[in-house]
Amino acid sequence: MIVWNCVINKDCQLISTPSSATEVTADRAVALGYFDGVHLGHQKIFSTMCEKAAELGLRTAVQTFDNPPASKSQNSLITTYPERCGIVSAWGVDDLFALPFNERVKGMSASAFLDVCVKD
């Protein structure tokens, strides 16, 4: 699994590393979420994503945050970021895109976030 460390810059562009041209432009099925604990509902999302990606010949990707959003208390987390990465990797996901949850992300509308992070 490739872990992409991402940031949304002041111009609302997604900047990520690594940035191999082939990997950047690959078509993907993407699951978006924080995925704390990777419970049965999350697992259903991953299995559906993997099935659809296989049918369509796409790479699989999970978009998550490397730190908790304000709605999550650091003390109430079920899994740490490295533990979540391990669980996602065990699902055979090709790419994990990790964004910091910061004021820029917090201030974005859902549609602006999707425009920046999930492109057609």
C-alpha atoms as a PDB file:
ATOM      1  CA  MET A   1       0.000   0.000   0.000  1.00  0.00           C
ATOM      2  CA  ILE A   2       1.254   3.466  -0.884  1.00  0.00           C
ATOM      3  CA  VAL A   3       0.659   6.073   1.821  1.00  0.00           C
ATOM      4  CA  TRP A   4       0.240   9.544   0.328  1.00  0.00           C
ATOM      5  CA  ASN A   5       0.895  12.421   2.725  1.00  0.00           C
ATOM      6  CA  CYS A   6      -1.333  15.221   1.493  1.00  0.00           C
ATOM      7  CA  VAL A   7      -2.080  18.829   2.199  1.00  0.00           C
ATOM      8  CA  ILE A   8      -4.533  21.271   0.679  1.00  0.00           C
ATOM      9  CA  ASN A   9      -2.639  24.482  -0.090  1.00  0.00           C
ATOM     10  CA  LYS A  10      -3.944  28.047   0.157  1.00  0.00           C
ATOM     11  CA  ASP A  11      -5.074  27.857  -3.491  1.00  0.00           C
ATOM     12  CA  CYS A  12      -7.203  24.779  -2.655  1.00  0.00           C
ATOM     13  CA  GLN A  13      -4.968  22.419  -4.603  1.00  0.00           C
ATOM     14  CA  LEU A  14      -4.162  18.957  -3.301  1.00  0.00           C
ATOM     15  CA  ILE A  15      -0.413  18.475  -2.891  1.00  0.00           C
ATOM     16  CA  SER A  16       0.743  14.916  -2.201  1.00  0.00           C
ATOM     17  CA  THR A  17       3.827  12.757  -1.894  1.00  0.00           C
ATOM     18  CA  PRO A  18       4.884  10.467  -3.435  1.00  0.00           C
ATOM     19  CA  SER A  19       3.900  11.958  -6.751  1.00  0.00           C
ATOM     20  CA  SER A  20       4.720   9.480  -9.498  1.00  0.00           C
ATOM     21  CA  ALA A  21       2.808  10.597 -12.589  1.00  0.00           C
ATOM     22  CA  THR A  22       1.386   7.119 -13.183  1.00  0.00           C
ATOM     23  CA  GLU A  23       0.159   6.772  -9.618  1.00  0.00           C
ATOM     24  CA  VAL A  24      -1.239  10.312  -9.492  1.00  0.00           C
ATOM     25  CA  THR A  25      -3.378   9.909 -12.591  1.00  0.00           C
ATOM     26  CA  ALA A  26      -4.609   6.366 -11.913  1.00  0.00           C
ATOM     27  CA  ASP A  27      -8.373   5.907 -11.739  1.00  0.00           C
ATOM     28  CA  ARG A  28      -9.517   4.822  -8.290  1.00  0.00           C
ATOM     29  CA  ALA A  29     -12.485   3.685  -6.258  1.00  0.00           C
ATOM     30  CA  VAL A  30     -12.255   5.781  -3.083  1.00  0.00           C
ATOM     31  CA  ALA A  31     -13.647   5.370   0.434  1.00  0.00           C
ATOM     32  CA  LEU A  32     -13.736   8.633   2.398  1.00  0.00           C
ATOM     33  CA  GLY A  33     -13.792   8.735   6.180  1.00  0.00           C
ATOM     34  CA  TYR A  34     -11.928   8.821   9.465  1.00  0.00           C
ATOM     35  CA  PHE A  35     -12.459   5.062   9.977  1.00  0.00           C
ATOM     36  CA  ASP A  36     -11.700   4.959  13.703  1.00  0.00           C
ATOM     37  CA  GLY A  37     -11.824   1.336  14.792  1.00  0.00           C
ATOM     38  CA  VAL A  38     -12.700   0.020  11.310  1.00  0.00           C
ATOM     39  CA  HIS A  39     -15.947  -1.538  12.557  1.00  0.00           C
ATOM     40  CA  LEU A  40     -18.309  -3.766  10.554  1.00  0.00           C
ATOM     41  CA  GLY A  41     -19.844  -0.804   8.712  1.00  0.00           C
ATOM     42  CA  HIS A  42     -16.408   0.385   7.624  1.00  0.00           C
ATOM     43  CA  GLN A  43     -15.511  -3.146   6.566  1.00  0.00           C
ATOM     44  CA  LYS A  44     -18.635  -3.269   4.369  1.00  0.00           C
ATOM     45  CA  ILE A  45     -17.561   0.003   2.738  1.00  0.00           C
ATOM     46  CA  PHE A  46     -14.090  -1.457   2.055  1.00  0.00           C
ATOM     47  CA  SER A  47     -15.428  -4.751   0.685  1.00  0.00           C
ATOM     48  CA  THR A  48     -17.891  -2.956  -1.621  1.00  0.00           C
ATOM     49  CA  MET A  49     -15.145  -0.593  -2.810  1.00  0.00           C
ATOM     50  CA  CYS A  50     -12.780  -3.523  -3.485  1.00  0.00           C
ATOM     51  CA  GLU A  51     -15.464  -5.462  -5.384  1.00  0.00           C
ATOM     52  CA  LYS A  52     -16.415  -2.482  -7.566  1.00  0.00           C
ATOM     53  CA  ALA A  53     -12.771  -1.606  -8.206  1.00  0.00           C
ATOM     54  CA  ALA A  54     -12.055  -5.177  -9.324  1.00  0.00           C
ATOM     55  CA  GLU A  55     -15.076  -5.124 -11.646  1.00  0.00           C
ATOM     56  CA  LEU A  56     -13.996  -1.825 -13.202  1.00  0.00           C
ATOM     57  CA  GLY A  57     -10.224  -2.365 -13.195  1.00  0.00           C
ATOM     58  CA  LEU A  58      -9.572   0.491 -10.759  1.00  0.00           C
ATOM     59  CA  ARG A  59      -7.055   0.977  -7.971  1.00  0.00           C
ATOM     60  CA  THR A  60      -8.519   1.158  -4.464  1.00  0.00           C
ATOM     61  CA  ALA A  61      -7.930   4.075  -2.131  1.00  0.00           C
ATOM     62  CA  VAL A  62      -8.900   5.254   1.319  1.00  0.00           C
ATOM     63  CA  GLN A  63      -8.951   8.991   2.075  1.00  0.00           C
ATOM     64  CA  THR A  64      -8.598   9.663   5.800  1.00  0.00           C
ATOM     65  CA  PHE A  65      -7.125  12.140   8.254  1.00  0.00           C
ATOM     66  CA  ASP A  66      -3.873  11.588  10.101  1.00  0.00           C
ATOM     67  CA  ASN A  67      -5.195  13.474  13.119  1.00  0.00           C
ATOM     68  CA  PRO A  68      -8.710  13.508  14.573  1.00  0.00           C
ATOM     69  CA  PRO A  69     -11.306  16.075  13.546  1.00  0.00           C
ATOM     70  CA  ALA A  70     -12.555  18.367  16.302  1.00  0.00           C
ATOM     71  CA  SER A  71     -15.612  16.137  16.791  1.00  0.00           C
ATOM     72  CA  LYS A  72     -13.333  13.336  18.033  1.00  0.00           C
ATOM     73  CA  SER A  73     -11.586  13.599  21.381  1.00  0.00           C
ATOM     74  CA  GLN A  74      -7.995  12.322  21.308  1.00  0.00           C
ATOM     75  CA  ASN A  75      -8.835  10.315  24.446  1.00  0.00           C
ATOM     76  CA  SER A  76     -11.859   8.590  22.891  1.00  0.00           C
ATOM     77  CA  LEU A  77     -10.126   7.185  19.798  1.00  0.00           C
ATOM     78  CA  ILE A  78     -10.320   3.442  19.233  1.00  0.00           C
ATOM     79  CA  THR A  79      -7.276   3.217  16.964  1.00  0.00           C
ATOM     80  CA  THR A  80      -4.224   5.345  16.351  1.00  0.00           C
ATOM     81  CA  TYR A  81      -3.310   6.570  12.890  1.00  0.00           C
ATOM     82  CA  PRO A  82      -0.592   3.880  12.454  1.00  0.00           C
ATOM     83  CA  GLU A  83      -3.062   1.193  13.579  1.00  0.00           C
ATOM     84  CA  ARG A  84      -5.652   2.431  11.048  1.00  0.00           C
ATOM     85  CA  CYS A  85      -2.995   2.343   8.318  1.00  0.00           C
ATOM     86  CA  GLY A  86      -2.237  -1.261   9.221  1.00  0.00           C
ATOM     87  CA  ILE A  87      -5.901  -2.266   9.147  1.00  0.00           C
ATOM     88  CA  VAL A  88      -6.467  -0.538   5.792  1.00  0.00           C
ATOM     89  CA  SER A  89      -3.342  -2.205   4.393  1.00  0.00           C
ATOM     90  CA  ALA A  90      -4.575  -5.625   5.558  1.00  0.00           C
ATOM     91  CA  TRP A  91      -7.670  -5.055   3.401  1.00  0.00           C
ATOM     92  CA  GLY A  92      -5.388  -4.935   0.361  1.00  0.00           C
ATOM     93  CA  VAL A  93      -6.127  -1.277  -0.394  1.00  0.00           C
ATOM     94  CA  ASP A  94      -3.688   0.141  -2.972  1.00  0.00           C
ATOM     95  CA  ASP A  95      -3.445   3.727  -1.735  1.00  0.00           C
ATOM     96  CA  LEU A  96      -4.089   5.598   1.488  1.00  0.00           C
ATOM     97  CA  PHE A  97      -4.402   9.382   1.226  1.00  0.00           C
ATOM     98  CA  ALA A  98      -3.785  11.049   4.588  1.00  0.00           C
ATOM     99  CA  LEU A  99      -4.710  14.669   5.119  1.00  0.00           C
ATOM    100  CA  PRO A 100      -4.180  16.704   8.268  1.00  0.00           C
ATOM    101  CA  PHE A 101      -7.504  17.843   9.688  1.00  0.00           C
ATOM    102  CA  ASN A 102      -6.772  21.560  10.018  1.00  0.00           C
ATOM    103  CA  GLU A 103      -8.584  24.894   9.824  1.00  0.00           C
ATOM    104  CA  ARG A 104      -8.406  24.937   6.005  1.00  0.00           C
ATOM    105  CA  VAL A 105     -10.072  21.525   5.739  1.00  0.00           C
ATOM    106  CA  LYS A 106     -12.516  22.359   8.537  1.00  0.00           C
ATOM    107  CA  GLY A 107     -13.628  25.497   6.681  1.00  0.00           C
ATOM    108  CA  MET A 108     -14.292  23.758   3.355  1.00  0.00           C
ATOM    109  CA  SER A 109     -17.786  22.852   2.227  1.00  0.00           C
ATOM    110  CA  ALA A 110     -18.386  19.200   1.416  1.00  0.00           C
ATOM    111  CA  SER A 111     -18.591  19.965  -2.299  1.00  0.00           C
ATOM    112  CA  ALA A 112     -15.335  21.986  -2.238  1.00  0.00           C
ATOM    113  CA  PHE A 113     -13.606  19.125  -0.399  1.00  0.00           C
ATOM    114  CA  LEU A 114     -14.787  16.630  -3.010  1.00  0.00           C
ATOM    115  CA  ASP A 115     -13.766  18.954  -5.851  1.00  0.00           C
ATOM    116  CA  VAL A 116     -10.232  19.123  -4.447  1.00  0.00           C
ATOM    117  CA  CYS A 117      -9.785  15.549  -3.237  1.00  0.00           C
ATOM    118  CA  VAL A 118     -11.918  13.413  -5.551  1.00  0.00           C
ATOM    119  CA  LYS A 119     -11.714  14.398  -9.169  1.00  0.00           C
ATOM    120  CA  ASP A 120     -13.555  12.797 -12.094  1.00  0.00           C
END
